[in-house]
Protein backbone atom coordinates (compact mmCIF):
# COMPACT_ATOMS: atom_id res chain seq x y z
CA MET A 1 71.02 -72.72 108.75
CA ASP A 2 72.83 -69.42 109.24
CA HIS A 3 73.60 -68.90 105.54
CA PRO A 4 74.21 -65.27 104.49
CA LYS A 5 72.59 -64.35 101.17
CA ARG A 6 75.52 -62.17 100.13
CA VAL A 7 77.71 -65.28 99.58
CA ALA A 8 75.64 -66.37 96.56
CA ILE A 9 77.04 -65.72 93.07
CA PRO A 10 74.57 -66.57 90.26
CA HIS A 11 75.71 -67.62 86.81
CA SER A 12 74.32 -65.63 83.89
CA SER A 13 74.28 -67.05 80.38
CA THR A 14 75.89 -63.81 79.22
CA THR A 15 78.87 -64.23 81.57
CA PRO A 16 81.57 -66.80 80.74
CA LEU A 17 81.36 -69.59 83.29
CA ALA A 18 85.05 -69.39 84.17
CA ARG A 19 84.49 -65.71 85.00
CA THR A 20 81.63 -66.64 87.34
CA PHE A 21 83.91 -69.09 89.16
CA ALA A 22 86.68 -66.50 89.39
CA THR A 23 84.29 -63.90 90.80
CA PHE A 24 83.02 -66.36 93.40
CA ALA A 25 86.51 -67.42 94.46
CA ARG A 26 87.61 -63.81 94.85
CA ARG A 27 84.52 -62.53 96.68
CA LEU A 28 83.96 -65.37 99.14
CA ASP A 29 84.78 -64.02 102.60
CA PHE A 30 85.41 -66.01 105.74
CA LYS A 31 83.38 -63.64 107.88
CA ASP A 32 80.32 -64.31 105.71
CA LEU A 33 80.57 -68.10 105.96
CA PRO A 34 78.04 -69.96 108.09
CA SER A 35 79.54 -71.69 111.10
CA SER A 36 78.10 -74.98 109.83
CA ALA A 37 80.18 -74.72 106.63
CA ILE A 38 83.35 -73.92 108.58
CA HIS A 39 82.73 -76.90 110.87
CA ALA A 40 82.06 -79.17 107.87
CA THR A 41 85.31 -78.09 106.22
CA LYS A 42 87.30 -78.94 109.35
CA ARG A 43 85.66 -82.38 109.43
CA HIS A 44 86.54 -82.99 105.77
CA LEU A 45 90.12 -81.92 106.41
CA ILE A 46 90.45 -84.33 109.35
CA ASP A 47 88.89 -87.11 107.27
CA ALA A 48 91.25 -86.40 104.35
CA LEU A 49 94.32 -86.43 106.59
CA GLY A 50 93.19 -89.71 108.14
CA CYS A 51 92.84 -91.23 104.67
CA ALA A 52 96.28 -89.88 103.74
CA TYR A 53 98.09 -91.24 106.77
CA GLY A 54 96.41 -94.60 106.24
CA ALA A 55 97.97 -94.78 102.76
CA LEU A 56 101.55 -93.82 103.67
CA ASP A 57 102.93 -97.32 103.02
CA ASP A 58 100.98 -98.08 99.85
CA ASP A 59 102.61 -98.52 96.48
CA ALA A 60 101.41 -95.53 94.45
CA PRO A 61 101.96 -92.97 97.25
CA VAL A 62 105.48 -94.33 97.86
CA ILE A 63 106.28 -94.10 94.13
CA SER A 64 105.00 -90.52 94.10
CA GLU A 65 107.05 -89.58 97.14
CA ARG A 66 110.22 -90.93 95.51
CA LEU A 67 109.62 -88.48 92.67
CA ALA A 68 109.07 -85.61 95.14
CA ARG A 69 112.41 -86.28 96.83
CA ARG A 70 114.17 -85.84 93.50
CA VAL A 71 112.67 -82.36 92.98
CA ARG A 72 113.98 -79.32 94.84
CA SER A 73 112.22 -75.97 94.90
CA GLU A 74 112.56 -72.65 96.67
CA PRO A 75 110.01 -71.58 97.63
CA GLY A 76 108.30 -74.92 97.84
CA ALA A 77 105.87 -77.00 99.85
CA HIS A 78 105.91 -80.16 101.94
CA THR A 79 104.43 -83.56 101.32
CA LEU A 80 102.74 -85.35 104.20
CA TYR A 81 105.81 -87.58 104.32
CA GLY A 82 107.74 -84.46 105.34
CA SER A 83 109.86 -83.90 102.24
CA HIS A 84 110.23 -80.42 100.75
CA THR A 85 109.60 -80.18 97.02
CA SER A 86 107.92 -77.99 94.41
CA PRO A 87 104.35 -76.88 95.23
CA ASP A 88 102.82 -78.74 92.29
CA ILE A 89 104.61 -82.00 93.13
CA ALA A 90 103.63 -81.60 96.80
CA ALA A 91 100.01 -81.27 95.67
CA PHE A 92 100.40 -84.42 93.59
CA VAL A 93 101.88 -86.55 96.39
CA ASN A 94 99.37 -85.36 98.98
CA GLY A 95 96.55 -85.86 96.48
CA VAL A 96 97.63 -89.46 95.93
CA LEU A 97 97.71 -90.03 99.69
CA ILE A 98 94.25 -88.52 100.25
CA ARG A 99 92.60 -90.46 97.45
CA TYR A 100 94.44 -93.75 97.25
CA LEU A 101 92.48 -95.87 99.75
CA ASP A 102 89.20 -94.79 98.13
CA TYR A 103 88.13 -93.72 101.61
CA ASN A 104 87.84 -89.94 101.23
CA ASP A 105 84.62 -87.98 101.05
CA THR A 106 82.06 -88.20 98.25
CA TYR A 107 79.54 -85.90 96.60
CA LEU A 108 76.73 -87.67 94.75
CA SER A 109 75.04 -85.88 91.86
CA LEU A 110 74.76 -86.18 88.08
CA GLU A 111 78.54 -86.71 88.19
CA PRO A 112 80.03 -88.11 91.40
CA ALA A 113 83.02 -86.38 92.96
CA HIS A 114 85.49 -86.66 95.82
CA PRO A 115 85.79 -82.98 96.75
CA SER A 116 88.48 -83.44 99.42
CA ASP A 117 90.80 -84.14 96.48
CA ASN A 118 90.93 -80.33 96.25
CA ILE A 119 92.59 -80.14 99.66
CA ALA A 120 95.89 -81.29 98.16
CA ALA A 121 95.96 -78.16 96.00
CA THR A 122 94.82 -75.74 98.71
CA LEU A 123 97.32 -77.17 101.23
CA ALA A 124 100.23 -76.59 98.85
CA ALA A 125 99.07 -73.10 97.94
CA ALA A 126 98.39 -72.21 101.59
CA GLU A 127 101.93 -73.19 102.57
CA LEU A 128 103.40 -71.25 99.68
CA ALA A 129 101.33 -68.18 100.57
CA HIS A 130 101.88 -68.49 104.36
CA ALA A 131 98.10 -68.42 104.62
CA THR A 132 96.08 -68.37 107.82
CA GLY A 133 93.59 -71.04 108.83
CA PRO A 134 90.57 -68.94 107.84
CA GLU A 135 92.15 -68.21 104.45
CA PHE A 136 92.74 -71.93 103.87
CA ILE A 137 89.18 -72.79 104.88
CA THR A 138 87.68 -70.13 102.61
CA ALA A 139 89.68 -71.27 99.58
CA THR A 140 88.83 -74.91 100.23
CA ILE A 141 85.13 -74.12 100.49
CA ALA A 142 85.35 -72.26 97.17
CA ALA A 143 86.98 -75.28 95.53
CA TYR A 144 84.33 -77.66 96.91
CA GLU A 145 81.57 -75.36 95.70
CA ILE A 146 82.89 -75.04 92.15
CA GLN A 147 83.54 -78.75 91.64
CA CYS A 148 80.20 -79.80 93.14
CA ARG A 149 78.14 -77.25 91.19
CA LEU A 150 79.71 -78.59 88.02
CA ALA A 151 78.85 -82.13 89.13
CA ASP A 152 75.26 -80.96 89.66
CA ALA A 153 75.09 -79.41 86.21
CA ALA A 154 76.16 -82.26 83.92
CA SER A 155 77.47 -85.81 83.84
CA ILE A 156 80.47 -86.22 81.57
CA ARG A 157 81.28 -89.92 82.04
CA ALA A 158 78.82 -90.93 79.30
CA GLN A 159 80.86 -88.74 76.96
CA GLY A 160 83.99 -90.71 77.85
CA TRP A 161 85.52 -88.21 80.29
CA ASP A 162 86.55 -88.69 83.90
CA HIS A 163 84.96 -86.73 86.74
CA VAL A 164 88.36 -85.28 87.68
CA CYS A 165 88.01 -82.93 84.68
CA TYR A 166 85.86 -80.69 86.89
CA GLY A 167 88.72 -80.46 89.36
CA ALA A 168 90.78 -78.56 86.81
CA PHE A 169 88.57 -75.54 87.51
CA SER A 170 88.10 -75.99 91.26
CA THR A 171 91.78 -76.54 92.10
CA ALA A 172 92.87 -73.54 90.05
CA CYS A 173 90.32 -71.32 91.78
CA GLY A 174 91.08 -72.62 95.27
CA ALA A 175 94.85 -72.39 94.90
CA GLY A 176 94.61 -69.11 93.00
CA ARG A 177 92.49 -67.55 95.72
CA LEU A 178 95.20 -68.36 98.28
CA LEU A 179 97.98 -67.04 96.06
CA GLY A 180 96.17 -63.71 95.65
CA LEU A 181 95.38 -63.92 91.93
CA THR A 182 93.14 -61.25 90.46
CA GLU A 183 89.83 -62.20 88.92
CA GLU A 184 91.36 -61.97 85.46
CA GLN A 185 94.30 -64.14 86.47
CA LEU A 186 91.90 -66.71 87.94
CA VAL A 187 90.12 -66.95 84.59
CA HIS A 188 93.45 -67.63 82.88
CA ALA A 189 94.51 -70.09 85.60
CA GLN A 190 91.40 -72.17 84.93
CA ALA A 191 92.08 -72.10 81.21
CA ILE A 192 95.70 -73.19 81.66
CA SER A 193 94.65 -75.88 84.12
CA ALA A 194 91.77 -77.32 82.11
CA GLY A 195 92.53 -76.62 78.45
CA PRO A 196 95.40 -79.09 78.01
CA HIS A 197 94.40 -81.57 80.72
CA MET A 198 91.05 -83.28 80.19
CA ALA A 199 91.18 -86.82 81.64
CA MET A 200 89.72 -89.80 79.80
CA ARG A 201 87.17 -92.08 81.47
CA GLN A 202 89.37 -95.06 80.59
CA THR A 203 90.97 -94.41 83.99
CA ARG A 204 87.90 -96.08 85.57
CA SER A 205 87.07 -98.63 82.89
CA GLY A 206 88.09 -102.29 82.70
CA GLU A 207 90.88 -103.51 84.97
CA LEU A 208 91.81 -100.50 87.07
CA SER A 209 95.40 -99.43 87.63
CA MET A 210 97.17 -97.36 90.27
CA TRP A 211 96.22 -94.29 88.24
CA LYS A 212 92.60 -94.62 89.42
CA GLY A 213 93.73 -93.33 92.81
CA THR A 214 96.10 -90.73 91.42
CA ALA A 215 94.15 -89.13 88.56
CA PHE A 216 92.81 -86.21 90.60
CA ALA A 217 96.20 -85.75 92.22
CA ASN A 218 97.51 -85.01 88.75
CA THR A 219 94.65 -82.55 88.27
CA ALA A 220 95.63 -80.85 91.55
CA ARG A 221 99.23 -80.67 90.35
CA ASN A 222 98.09 -79.04 87.10
CA GLY A 223 95.85 -76.63 89.00
CA VAL A 224 98.68 -75.44 91.24
CA MET A 225 101.08 -75.08 88.32
CA ALA A 226 98.45 -73.15 86.35
CA THR A 227 97.96 -70.65 89.18
CA LEU A 228 101.71 -70.07 89.42
CA LEU A 229 101.91 -69.42 85.68
CA ALA A 230 98.86 -67.15 85.68
CA ALA A 231 100.25 -65.21 88.64
CA ASP A 232 103.30 -64.40 86.51
CA GLY A 233 101.19 -63.24 83.57
CA MET A 234 100.61 -66.37 81.48
CA THR A 235 97.31 -66.31 79.60
CA GLY A 236 95.17 -69.28 78.62
CA PRO A 237 92.62 -70.14 75.89
CA ALA A 238 89.25 -68.49 76.32
CA PRO A 239 86.34 -68.69 76.56
CA LEU A 240 87.15 -72.15 77.83
CA PHE A 241 83.59 -73.36 78.36
CA GLU A 242 81.74 -71.51 75.61
CA GLY A 243 84.34 -71.48 72.80
CA GLU A 244 83.86 -73.30 69.48
CA PHE A 245 86.11 -76.14 70.68
CA GLY A 246 85.64 -75.51 74.39
CA PHE A 247 84.41 -77.62 77.29
CA PHE A 248 80.72 -77.50 76.35
CA ALA A 249 81.34 -78.68 72.79
CA GLN A 250 84.17 -81.14 73.33
CA VAL A 251 83.65 -82.60 76.82
CA ALA A 252 80.10 -82.06 78.06
CA GLY A 253 78.54 -82.34 74.62
CA ARG A 254 76.10 -79.52 75.39
CA PRO A 255 75.95 -76.10 77.04
CA PHE A 256 74.81 -75.94 80.64
CA THR A 257 74.44 -73.43 83.45
CA VAL A 258 75.31 -73.95 87.10
CA ALA A 259 73.13 -73.20 90.10
CA PRO A 260 74.05 -70.08 92.09
CA LEU A 261 77.34 -70.64 93.88
CA GLY A 262 76.65 -70.52 97.60
CA GLY A 263 72.96 -70.31 96.77
CA PRO A 264 69.85 -70.82 98.90
CA ASP A 265 70.47 -74.56 99.25
CA GLY A 266 73.71 -73.81 101.09
CA LEU A 267 77.32 -74.61 100.36
CA ALA A 268 78.27 -77.95 98.82
CA VAL A 269 80.84 -78.65 101.53
CA GLU A 270 77.90 -79.22 103.88
CA ARG A 271 76.27 -81.75 101.55
CA THR A 272 79.42 -83.78 100.99
CA LEU A 273 79.37 -87.22 102.60
CA HIS A 274 81.86 -89.41 104.43
CA LYS A 275 82.42 -93.15 103.96
CA TYR A 276 82.26 -95.94 106.50
CA TRP A 277 84.37 -98.31 104.39
CA PRO A 278 87.26 -97.81 101.93
CA ALA A 279 85.28 -98.74 98.83
CA GLU A 280 83.45 -96.88 96.08
CA TYR A 281 80.53 -94.96 97.57
CA HIS A 282 77.75 -96.85 95.78
CA ALA A 283 78.91 -100.06 97.49
CA GLN A 284 78.44 -98.68 101.01
CA SER A 285 74.80 -99.78 101.41
CA ALA A 286 75.44 -103.27 100.05
CA ILE A 287 78.39 -103.70 102.44
CA GLU A 288 76.19 -102.55 105.32
CA ALA A 289 73.47 -105.02 104.33
CA ALA A 290 75.97 -107.87 104.00
CA LEU A 291 77.50 -107.22 107.41
CA THR A 292 74.05 -107.06 109.00
CA LEU A 293 72.82 -110.25 107.33
CA ARG A 294 76.06 -112.05 108.15
CA ASP A 295 75.24 -111.96 111.85
CA ASP A 296 71.94 -113.74 111.13
CA LEU A 297 73.42 -116.40 108.84
CA GLY A 298 76.20 -117.57 111.07
CA SER A 299 78.36 -118.65 108.12
CA HIS A 300 78.80 -117.44 104.59
CA ALA A 301 78.89 -121.11 103.54
CA ALA A 302 75.09 -121.07 103.81
CA ILE A 303 74.81 -118.60 100.92
CA ASP A 304 73.85 -120.00 97.52
CA ARG A 305 73.59 -116.72 95.64
CA ILE A 306 73.33 -112.99 96.31
CA ARG A 307 70.96 -110.61 94.53
CA ILE A 308 71.59 -106.88 94.82
CA ASP A 309 69.04 -104.28 93.73
CA SER A 310 70.68 -100.88 93.30
CA SER A 311 70.73 -97.76 91.18
CA ASP A 312 71.78 -97.43 87.55
CA ALA A 313 74.84 -95.47 88.65
CA ALA A 314 75.95 -98.28 90.96
CA VAL A 315 75.57 -100.87 88.21
CA ASP A 316 77.33 -98.64 85.69
CA ILE A 317 80.28 -97.69 87.88
CA ILE A 318 80.93 -100.79 90.03
CA GLY A 319 78.66 -103.59 88.79
CA SER A 320 79.36 -103.93 85.08
CA GLY A 321 82.23 -105.37 83.07
CA GLU A 322 83.85 -108.77 83.54
CA GLU A 323 86.72 -107.25 85.54
CA ARG A 324 84.29 -106.35 88.32
CA TRP A 325 83.44 -110.05 88.70
CA ARG A 326 87.05 -111.22 88.87
CA PRO A 327 89.18 -108.29 90.06
CA SER A 328 92.95 -108.76 89.97
CA THR A 329 94.03 -105.36 91.33
CA ARG A 330 93.11 -103.58 94.56
CA GLU A 331 91.86 -100.62 92.50
CA THR A 332 89.39 -102.87 90.67
CA ALA A 333 88.38 -104.68 93.85
CA ASP A 334 87.36 -101.53 95.74
CA HIS A 335 85.32 -100.58 92.65
CA SER A 336 83.65 -104.00 92.44
CA LEU A 337 80.18 -104.33 93.96
CA PRO A 338 80.34 -108.14 93.74
CA TYR A 339 83.72 -108.32 95.45
CA CYS A 340 82.95 -105.79 98.20
CA THR A 341 79.70 -107.57 99.06
CA ALA A 342 81.24 -111.04 99.00
CA ILE A 343 84.25 -110.11 101.12
CA ALA A 344 81.94 -108.49 103.68
CA PHE A 345 80.13 -111.83 104.07
CA ILE A 346 83.38 -113.82 104.15
CA ASP A 347 85.53 -111.66 106.45
CA GLY A 348 82.93 -109.74 108.41
CA GLU A 349 84.71 -106.46 107.73
CA VAL A 350 85.81 -104.29 104.80
CA GLY A 351 89.06 -102.41 105.39
CA PRO A 352 92.50 -102.08 103.84
CA ALA A 353 93.28 -105.70 104.73
CA GLN A 354 90.51 -106.86 102.40
CA PHE A 355 92.26 -105.31 99.40
CA VAL A 356 95.76 -106.77 99.70
CA ASP A 357 97.03 -109.34 97.20
């Protein structure tokens, strides 16, 4: 892989982590990016836009768009519906569209992530900044890298926090890079974005609501707003990770370091995966197995019971809790390993039509 060593930014225990992220976001240069990472970013953008356009008529995106049409801003940004609104609201609406079908890309690590959620923030900031394509790609790669390195470093769901918490840092850095923030301003943007806005894991527990597909969109909205405030001189609480009541103590439950950003294992955007079906990523293999076996069975009526062997993460995220065994919302159904497997046997496909009322 044609990966230039000069992209890598290591994290030192003596340097505040938010400063490391700010340095990386500022120093990343399009001309130093491997062609494979640029190609991967274009693929993720196309995938995200496909997911977004597939969700245009769904309930939560339509609700979000109604809000956007009530907000006027100059300068502003556009939603994918075409309305012109404030940059932060545009990021929210587009984030809902990208995420809502649970079809967008996935990064699997200690904490799972959907890094294309960041694209909602970088799209809004790119429009506001009249950015070029290479500038948009570079900022998006920076956002992917920051969120995924955090996901590699620590799982926070066991502490009761949602994975979108990591997006508070990545969206602020990606949007801030496009808006020309200084390194110091990027540190403050992360603090303003993350300090007041840590998301509870209850979003993905029990019977799931529309908010499951909109939680990161709200993080993107906060990230864009934080960059705008920091650009005008607003300061935020610091050190946000290492402070007495900071992220390490209150959210992660322990200090951690991140691997070198853009390090020898390449950029995270190249290790981010796409989905075949609009369901939680850990269900993909079970759906594939069900569809394959279905051809051999002839009819699902021949099935007496189904046994699925999977990972602890799959059981924890989509196989536990009584709601997963009798889902009553589309958000719960696409996060239900029993439902996704059963409907694959019954219908012979798993698409948006399998998650209607």
